[in-house]
Protein backbone atom coordinates (compact mmCIF):
# COMPACT_ATOMS: atom_id res chain seq x y z
CA UNK A 1 37.95 1.82 -10.61
CA UNK A 2 34.30 1.07 -11.07
CA UNK A 3 32.62 1.11 -14.51
CA UNK A 4 28.93 0.63 -14.91
CA UNK A 5 26.45 0.90 -17.58
CA UNK A 6 22.64 0.79 -17.70
CA UNK A 7 20.83 -0.75 -20.67
CA UNK A 8 22.78 0.05 -23.94
CA UNK A 9 25.16 2.47 -22.22
CA UNK A 10 28.03 1.65 -24.65
CA UNK A 11 28.69 3.94 -27.41
CA UNK A 12 26.18 3.87 -30.23
CA UNK A 13 29.04 4.13 -32.73
CA UNK A 14 29.78 0.47 -31.92
CA UNK A 15 26.65 -0.67 -33.78
CA UNK A 16 27.95 -1.26 -37.34
CA UNK A 17 24.49 -1.18 -38.84
CA UNK A 18 24.19 2.56 -38.22
CA UNK A 19 25.72 5.05 -40.41
CA UNK A 20 28.39 7.37 -38.91
CA UNK A 21 26.00 10.33 -39.11
CA UNK A 22 23.32 8.52 -37.23
CA UNK A 23 25.83 7.23 -34.65
CA UNK A 24 27.12 10.87 -34.12
CA UNK A 25 23.56 12.22 -33.65
CA UNK A 26 22.75 9.42 -31.15
CA UNK A 27 25.96 10.19 -29.09
CA UNK A 28 25.00 13.75 -28.88
CA UNK A 29 21.79 12.93 -27.23
CA UNK A 30 23.95 11.72 -24.44
CA UNK A 31 26.72 14.21 -24.24
CA UNK A 32 26.39 15.83 -20.80
CA UNK A 33 28.88 15.00 -18.27
CA UNK A 34 28.96 15.57 -14.46
CA UNK A 35 32.53 15.20 -13.31
CA UNK A 36 32.93 15.18 -9.43
CA UNK A 37 36.15 14.67 -7.58
CA UNK A 38 36.09 11.99 -4.69
CA UNK A 39 36.41 13.50 -1.18
CA UNK A 40 38.28 16.30 -2.87
CA UNK A 41 40.05 18.13 0.15
CA UNK A 42 40.99 14.59 1.64
CA UNK A 43 42.20 13.42 -1.83
CA UNK A 44 44.58 16.49 -2.27
CA UNK A 45 46.02 16.08 1.27
CA UNK A 46 46.72 12.36 0.68
CA UNK A 47 49.07 13.33 -2.22
CA UNK A 48 51.48 14.34 0.36
CA UNK A 49 50.36 11.74 2.97
CA UNK A 50 50.12 8.52 1.16
CA UNK A 51 50.60 6.58 4.34
CA UNK A 52 47.16 7.72 5.32
CA UNK A 53 45.42 6.01 2.37
CA UNK A 54 42.80 3.47 3.42
CA UNK A 55 42.47 5.16 6.76
CA UNK A 56 39.71 7.44 8.13
CA UNK A 57 40.71 10.98 7.51
CA UNK A 58 38.74 14.22 8.21
CA UNK A 59 39.78 17.65 7.01
CA UNK A 60 38.72 20.33 9.46
CA UNK A 61 39.72 21.92 12.84
CA UNK A 62 39.38 19.72 15.91
CA UNK A 63 37.30 22.30 17.82
CA UNK A 64 33.97 22.17 19.36
CA UNK A 65 32.24 24.32 16.89
CA UNK A 66 34.11 23.67 13.70
CA UNK A 67 32.52 21.50 11.02
CA UNK A 68 33.69 18.72 8.85
CA UNK A 69 35.02 20.09 5.46
CA UNK A 70 35.85 16.75 3.90
CA UNK A 71 35.92 13.07 4.96
CA UNK A 72 37.54 10.05 3.45
CA UNK A 73 35.28 7.14 2.51
CA UNK A 74 36.63 5.21 5.37
CA UNK A 75 35.47 7.90 7.73
CA UNK A 76 32.14 8.17 5.96
CA UNK A 77 31.53 4.49 6.46
CA UNK A 78 31.12 5.36 10.20
CA UNK A 79 28.71 8.01 9.52
CA UNK A 80 30.77 11.04 9.28
CA UNK A 81 29.53 13.59 6.64
CA UNK A 82 30.53 16.95 5.36
CA UNK A 83 29.15 19.87 7.29
CA UNK A 84 28.77 17.74 10.35
CA UNK A 85 29.98 19.30 13.65
CA UNK A 86 33.48 18.17 14.29
CA UNK A 87 32.69 17.31 17.88
CA UNK A 88 30.06 14.81 16.65
CA UNK A 89 32.39 13.38 13.81
CA UNK A 90 35.19 12.79 16.28
CA UNK A 91 32.80 10.86 18.53
CA UNK A 92 31.64 8.88 15.67
CA UNK A 93 35.11 8.11 14.37
CA UNK A 94 37.59 8.55 17.31
CA UNK A 95 40.39 6.91 15.26
CA UNK A 96 40.16 9.46 12.47
CA UNK A 97 43.19 11.50 11.49
CA UNK A 98 42.38 15.22 11.56
CA UNK A 99 44.09 17.33 8.95
CA UNK A 100 43.80 21.17 9.10
CA UNK A 101 42.68 22.62 5.74
CA UNK A 102 44.82 24.36 3.29
CA UNK A 103 42.40 26.33 1.24
CA UNK A 104 44.86 28.09 -0.98
CA UNK A 105 46.13 24.57 -2.08
CA UNK A 106 42.64 23.40 -2.90
CA UNK A 107 41.84 26.44 -5.03
CA UNK A 108 45.19 25.81 -6.89
CA UNK A 109 44.29 22.22 -7.70
CA UNK A 110 40.64 23.38 -8.57
CA UNK A 111 42.08 25.83 -11.09
CA UNK A 112 44.22 22.97 -12.66
CA UNK A 113 41.17 20.76 -12.77
CA UNK A 114 39.20 23.49 -14.58
CA UNK A 115 41.93 23.79 -17.05
CA UNK A 116 41.68 20.13 -17.95
CA UNK A 117 37.91 20.49 -18.42
CA UNK A 118 38.64 23.63 -20.66
CA UNK A 119 40.82 21.71 -22.86
CA UNK A 120 38.05 19.21 -23.51
CA UNK A 121 35.20 21.58 -24.37
CA UNK A 122 34.27 25.20 -24.11
CA UNK A 123 30.95 24.26 -22.47
CA UNK A 124 32.02 23.97 -18.80
CA UNK A 125 29.70 24.87 -16.02
CA UNK A 126 31.46 24.72 -12.74
CA UNK A 127 29.32 23.96 -9.67
CA UNK A 128 31.95 24.18 -6.97
CA UNK A 129 35.73 23.89 -6.56
CA UNK A 130 35.59 20.15 -7.42
CA UNK A 131 32.76 19.44 -9.75
CA UNK A 132 31.32 20.77 -13.06
CA UNK A 133 28.91 19.93 -15.81
CA UNK A 134 30.52 19.58 -19.29
CA UNK A 135 28.70 19.37 -22.77
CA UNK A 136 30.95 17.39 -24.94
CA UNK A 137 28.74 17.22 -28.00
CA UNK A 138 31.09 19.44 -29.94
CA UNK A 139 34.16 17.34 -29.03
CA UNK A 140 32.87 13.86 -30.11
CA UNK A 141 34.59 13.98 -33.67
CA UNK A 142 37.95 14.99 -31.95
CA UNK A 143 37.87 12.79 -28.87
CA UNK A 144 35.57 9.99 -29.36
CA UNK A 145 32.20 9.04 -27.83
CA UNK A 146 31.01 10.69 -24.54
CA UNK A 147 31.94 7.45 -22.71
CA UNK A 148 35.56 7.69 -24.21
CA UNK A 149 35.73 11.32 -23.22
CA UNK A 150 34.74 10.43 -19.59
CA UNK A 151 37.52 7.93 -19.46
CA UNK A 152 39.97 10.45 -20.78
CA UNK A 153 39.01 13.03 -18.27
CA UNK A 154 39.42 10.42 -15.48
CA UNK A 155 42.83 9.35 -16.72
CA UNK A 156 44.15 13.00 -16.85
CA UNK A 157 42.80 14.02 -13.48
CA UNK A 158 44.58 10.94 -12.01
CA UNK A 159 47.93 11.44 -13.88
CA UNK A 160 48.08 15.28 -13.76
CA UNK A 161 46.51 16.05 -10.32
CA UNK A 162 46.99 12.59 -8.40
CA UNK A 163 43.34 12.40 -7.39
CA UNK A 164 40.33 10.40 -8.56
CA UNK A 165 37.07 11.57 -10.29
CA UNK A 166 33.69 10.03 -10.80
CA UNK A 167 31.88 10.86 -14.10
CA UNK A 168 28.17 10.68 -14.90
CA UNK A 169 27.14 10.72 -18.53
CA UNK A 170 23.50 11.35 -19.70
CA UNK A 171 21.26 13.48 -21.84
CA UNK A 172 20.49 16.02 -19.12
CA UNK A 173 22.32 17.73 -16.33
CA UNK A 174 20.00 16.03 -13.80
CA UNK A 175 20.48 12.55 -14.89
CA UNK A 176 24.26 13.13 -15.14
CA UNK A 177 24.39 14.39 -11.54
CA UNK A 178 22.52 11.32 -10.50
CA UNK A 179 24.91 8.98 -12.52
CA UNK A 180 28.14 10.47 -11.07
CA UNK A 181 26.60 9.95 -7.55
CA UNK A 182 25.70 6.44 -8.08
CA UNK A 183 29.15 5.41 -9.34
CA UNK A 184 31.19 7.04 -6.57
CA UNK A 185 33.85 6.63 -5.73
CA UNK A 186 36.26 6.46 -8.61
CA UNK A 187 33.68 5.29 -11.18
CA UNK A 188 32.00 6.10 -14.51
CA UNK A 189 28.32 5.60 -15.45
CA UNK A 190 26.51 6.29 -18.63
CA UNK A 191 22.65 6.41 -18.96
CA UNK A 192 21.61 6.49 -22.55
CA UNK A 193 18.62 8.62 -23.61
CA UNK A 194 16.41 5.75 -24.24
CA UNK A 195 17.27 4.17 -20.83
CA UNK A 196 16.80 7.35 -18.86
CA UNK A 197 13.20 6.65 -17.62
CA UNK A 198 13.58 3.08 -16.76
CA UNK A 199 16.78 3.93 -14.85
CA UNK A 200 15.21 6.75 -12.89
CA UNK A 201 12.09 4.71 -12.08
CA UNK A 202 14.26 2.15 -10.49
CA UNK A 203 15.58 4.69 -7.86
CA UNK A 204 14.09 5.92 -4.49
CA UNK A 205 12.31 9.20 -4.45
CA UNK A 206 15.13 10.88 -2.55
CA UNK A 207 17.23 10.72 -5.75
CA UNK A 208 15.24 13.53 -7.24
CA UNK A 209 16.47 17.21 -6.79
CA UNK A 210 14.46 19.02 -4.20
CA UNK A 211 13.32 15.83 -2.31
CA UNK A 212 15.12 16.00 1.18
CA UNK A 213 14.30 13.97 4.13
CA UNK A 214 11.16 15.92 5.22
CA UNK A 215 9.67 15.92 1.70
CA UNK A 216 10.41 12.17 1.46
CA UNK A 217 8.46 11.62 4.61
CA UNK A 218 5.59 13.62 3.46
CA UNK A 219 5.49 11.62 0.15
CA UNK A 220 5.91 8.25 1.94
CA UNK A 221 2.83 8.89 3.89
CA UNK A 222 0.97 9.13 0.58
CA UNK A 223 2.61 5.78 -0.55
CA UNK A 224 5.03 7.52 -2.91
CA UNK A 225 8.45 5.95 -2.16
CA UNK A 226 10.04 5.69 -5.56
CA UNK A 227 10.69 7.87 -8.59
CA UNK A 228 8.21 5.53 -10.32
CA UNK A 229 5.56 6.42 -7.82
CA UNK A 230 6.20 10.07 -8.45
CA UNK A 231 5.72 9.72 -12.23
CA UNK A 232 2.49 7.79 -11.67
CA UNK A 233 1.01 10.50 -9.41
CA UNK A 234 -0.99 13.26 -11.02
CA UNK A 235 0.70 16.73 -11.00
CA UNK A 236 -2.34 18.17 -9.24
CA UNK A 237 -1.99 15.74 -6.33
CA UNK A 238 1.87 16.51 -6.08
CA UNK A 239 1.03 20.14 -6.01
CA UNK A 240 -1.40 19.78 -3.15
CA UNK A 241 1.36 18.42 -0.90
CA UNK A 242 4.50 20.01 -2.22
CA UNK A 243 3.08 23.35 -3.54
CA UNK A 244 4.57 24.81 -6.73
CA UNK A 245 7.59 22.35 -6.66
CA UNK A 246 5.17 19.49 -7.30
CA UNK A 247 5.33 20.12 -10.99
CA UNK A 248 9.09 20.44 -10.88
CA UNK A 249 9.49 17.19 -9.12
CA UNK A 250 7.05 15.37 -11.50
CA UNK A 251 9.05 16.62 -14.58
CA UNK A 252 12.22 15.33 -13.02
CA UNK A 253 10.64 11.95 -12.56
CA UNK A 254 10.04 11.85 -16.27
CA UNK A 255 13.69 12.75 -17.02
CA UNK A 256 12.63 16.21 -18.11
CA UNK A 257 15.49 18.88 -17.61
CA UNK A 258 15.93 21.21 -20.54
CA UNK A 259 18.72 23.31 -18.90
CA UNK A 260 21.66 23.66 -21.07
CA UNK A 261 25.35 23.52 -19.85
CA UNK A 262 26.04 27.24 -19.13
CA UNK A 263 29.71 28.15 -19.91
CA UNK A 264 32.01 29.27 -17.00
CA UNK A 265 30.62 32.02 -14.89
CA UNK A 266 32.33 34.33 -12.72
CA UNK A 267 32.31 33.78 -8.89
CA UNK A 268 29.40 35.75 -7.54
CA UNK A 269 31.10 36.44 -4.17
CA UNK A 270 34.19 35.58 -2.39
CA UNK A 271 34.45 35.63 1.50
CA UNK A 272 35.39 34.03 4.70
CA UNK A 273 33.85 33.65 8.11
CA UNK A 274 34.90 32.44 11.64
CA UNK A 275 33.12 30.70 14.42
CA UNK A 276 34.42 31.72 17.99
CA UNK A 277 35.10 28.81 20.44
CA UNK A 278 33.18 30.94 23.02
CA UNK A 279 30.58 33.50 22.26
CA UNK A 280 32.21 36.98 22.39
CA UNK A 281 31.19 40.52 23.08
CA UNK A 282 34.80 42.01 22.87
CA UNK A 283 34.97 44.71 20.26
CA UNK A 284 38.76 44.32 20.00
CA UNK A 285 38.41 40.78 19.28
CA UNK A 286 35.64 41.48 16.62
CA UNK A 287 37.79 44.15 14.91
CA UNK A 288 40.84 41.77 14.91
CA UNK A 289 38.86 39.02 13.18
CA UNK A 290 37.43 41.32 10.73
CA UNK A 291 40.88 42.39 9.76
CA UNK A 292 41.92 38.65 9.59
CA UNK A 293 38.90 37.83 7.50
CA UNK A 294 39.56 40.87 5.21
CA UNK A 295 43.06 39.76 4.46
CA UNK A 296 41.82 36.20 3.72
CA UNK A 297 39.16 37.69 1.44
CA UNK A 298 41.42 40.08 -0.44
CA UNK A 299 44.16 37.56 -0.91
CA UNK A 300 41.47 35.30 -2.68
CA UNK A 301 40.23 38.23 -4.72
CA UNK A 302 43.83 38.99 -5.84
CA UNK A 303 44.59 35.33 -6.65
CA UNK A 304 41.46 35.20 -8.76
CA UNK A 305 42.22 38.39 -10.63
CA UNK A 306 38.87 39.87 -9.35
CA UNK A 307 37.81 43.11 -7.67
CA UNK A 308 34.69 43.73 -5.61
CA UNK A 309 32.31 46.53 -5.72
CA UNK A 310 30.33 45.54 -2.58
CA UNK A 311 31.57 44.55 0.86
CA UNK A 312 29.21 42.60 3.13
CA UNK A 313 29.29 41.91 6.86
CA UNK A 314 27.69 38.90 8.57
CA UNK A 315 27.14 38.44 12.28
CA UNK A 316 25.48 35.48 14.02
CA UNK A 317 24.59 36.04 17.63
CA UNK A 318 24.50 33.55 20.48
CA UNK A 319 20.89 32.68 19.94
CA UNK A 320 21.74 31.78 16.17
CA UNK A 321 20.02 34.88 14.78
CA UNK A 322 21.86 36.23 11.91
CA UNK A 323 22.14 39.82 10.50
CA UNK A 324 23.97 40.99 7.41
CA UNK A 325 24.79 44.37 6.15
CA UNK A 326 26.44 45.58 2.78
CA UNK A 327 27.94 48.70 1.24
CA UNK A 328 28.83 49.44 -2.34
CA UNK A 329 32.11 51.27 -2.72
CA UNK A 330 32.82 53.95 -5.23
CA UNK A 331 35.98 52.18 -6.61
CA UNK A 332 36.28 48.42 -6.89
CA UNK A 333 38.67 46.95 -4.18
CA UNK A 334 40.97 43.98 -3.64
CA UNK A 335 42.86 45.52 -0.71
CA UNK A 336 42.32 43.92 2.70
CA UNK A 337 42.63 47.38 4.40
CA UNK A 338 40.05 48.88 2.41
CA UNK A 339 37.69 45.83 2.88
CA UNK A 340 38.41 46.00 6.61
CA UNK A 341 37.53 49.76 6.72
CA UNK A 342 34.06 49.13 5.19
CA UNK A 343 33.51 46.01 7.43
CA UNK A 344 34.22 48.20 10.59
CA UNK A 345 31.74 50.73 9.34
CA UNK A 346 29.06 48.25 8.82
CA UNK A 347 29.77 46.72 12.23
CA UNK A 348 29.47 50.21 13.87
CA UNK A 349 26.26 50.85 11.96
CA UNK A 350 24.62 48.06 13.84
CA UNK A 351 24.74 50.07 17.09
CA UNK A 352 24.98 48.39 20.51
CA UNK A 353 24.64 44.67 20.42
CA UNK A 354 22.11 43.04 22.72
CA UNK A 355 24.05 39.85 23.03
CA UNK A 356 27.50 38.31 22.35
CA UNK A 357 28.58 37.10 18.93
CA UNK A 358 28.90 33.54 17.76
CA UNK A 359 30.14 34.03 14.19
CA UNK A 360 31.55 36.89 12.09
CA UNK A 361 31.96 36.92 8.36
CA UNK A 362 33.19 39.24 5.55
CA UNK A 363 32.20 38.79 2.00
CA UNK A 364 33.15 40.56 -1.18
CA UNK A 365 30.38 40.88 -3.78
CA UNK A 366 29.58 42.23 -7.22
CA UNK A 367 32.86 40.97 -8.59
CA UNK A 368 34.46 41.85 -11.89
CA UNK A 369 37.81 40.98 -13.61
CA UNK A 370 40.46 43.26 -12.52
CA UNK A 371 41.47 43.86 -16.15
CA UNK A 372 38.00 45.01 -16.95
CA UNK A 373 37.16 47.21 -14.04
CA UNK A 374 37.08 50.96 -14.42
CA UNK A 375 39.65 51.92 -11.69
CA UNK A 376 39.80 55.49 -10.58
CA UNK A 377 43.03 57.00 -9.21
CA UNK A 378 42.87 57.44 -5.44
CA UNK A 379 43.70 60.98 -4.16
CA UNK A 380 44.89 59.07 -0.86
CA UNK A 381 48.38 57.56 -1.73
CA UNK A 382 47.81 55.27 1.43
CA UNK A 383 45.30 53.18 -0.58
CA UNK A 384 48.08 52.40 -3.18
CA UNK A 385 50.62 51.76 -0.45
CA UNK A 386 48.29 49.28 1.30
CA UNK A 387 47.71 47.44 -1.95
CA UNK A 388 51.55 47.32 -2.75
CA UNK A 389 52.17 46.02 0.85
CA UNK A 390 49.51 43.23 0.50
CA UNK A 391 50.70 42.15 -2.97
CA UNK A 392 54.30 41.81 -1.27
CA UNK A 393 52.54 39.61 1.39
CA UNK A 394 51.02 37.51 -1.42
CA UNK A 395 54.53 36.88 -2.78
CA UNK A 396 55.91 35.96 0.60
CA UNK A 397 52.94 33.62 1.27
CA UNK A 398 53.44 32.00 -2.04
CA UNK A 399 57.03 31.22 -1.33
CA UNK A 400 57.06 30.46 2.41
CA UNK A 401 53.44 29.83 3.49
CA UNK A 402 50.49 31.90 4.50
CA UNK A 403 51.41 32.27 8.14
CA UNK A 404 55.02 33.48 7.67
CA UNK A 405 54.18 37.09 7.60
CA UNK A 406 51.03 38.69 9.12
CA UNK A 407 50.00 42.31 10.16
CA UNK A 408 51.08 43.00 13.71
CA UNK A 409 47.50 43.44 15.02
CA UNK A 410 46.89 39.75 14.16
CA UNK A 411 49.81 38.39 16.33
CA UNK A 412 47.76 37.98 19.36
CA UNK A 413 48.62 35.31 22.04
CA UNK A 414 45.09 34.37 22.60
CA UNK A 415 43.57 31.52 20.71
CA UNK A 416 42.09 32.29 17.42
CA UNK A 417 38.69 31.11 16.20
CA UNK A 418 38.22 28.04 14.23
CA UNK A 419 37.11 28.07 10.62
CA UNK A 420 33.50 26.88 10.07
């Protein structure tokens, strides 16, 4: 475990000259945590494969068009990164152990992680399945300083989930995110409010949100290579080269980020997509994959306790052009068969395709909790029959695995696509 501090990063309560009230107020100036799991998918897999610890491991499908979903730090040391094509990753790290992803397991662990966060504070803002912002200002009297709370979270994540987390602590979300990134893996770093600007100004310009590789190149041509350089550059000059984002970047360089931690938000959408090993114009294959993706999406809806009011279709053609179509349904759905029916209608609405298809995706949107949705009784009993059958599939999958029982149409001898 790595623990770092910048400037006076230790708790203000340790200064005996200050009153308890002043110490509490000072601690609340630095009460935003960014908690991020280390190589989350890999870490979850290594719980059952401890023999792979310390070795290069990649989670993904070993197919030409699949991408890296997660990589151990040993694999990252060879240049492997998330979202990199698997073909490239395997060339860069030929000795890596490839593990097929188990998304249902990852979501289960994620739910347990969020429960830990919720036991600390009500102000939790998830960013993805493995990271979140927490405002712990209201938990200081109960649990100690933000630094104490950060250590508590890391201990609980390790003991209860068997994985490691890195924690950044600061007065703003932006700086907390930088701190967690800078102390990875398995570390904790606190940046006190009074030390924020000196710390930021010691970093390269790429540390700022919104400054990617191309933007950094543009700024470098102007002699702007560090956050301190950005802060010293007039806003008008930055806006000339960066447009409207110039002002935003300048504010960040001064540590200005007034956004509060927003409590848990519902997922905006749930979906799945597949990239074919070979571009396909086969309607039967497209329909079969739409059914497969509809089942995957519906299972996630039901496990999340959500219903969808809109179903969306995504197609990416051989030339990488992408089209999407969506349709809002009269009654919220969580049934694969109903999602599939809409997806097929959307596919047919596109008319004849001018070229073969590289990727197909199904997404459920406009989500709402099942308990709050205004359900209408269907006149077609088949809808209820499909839902009951799929709920039975959920129970079988939970006990025996997701591939134990499948719709007959999905039992095809040909090779299925690989997850992107």
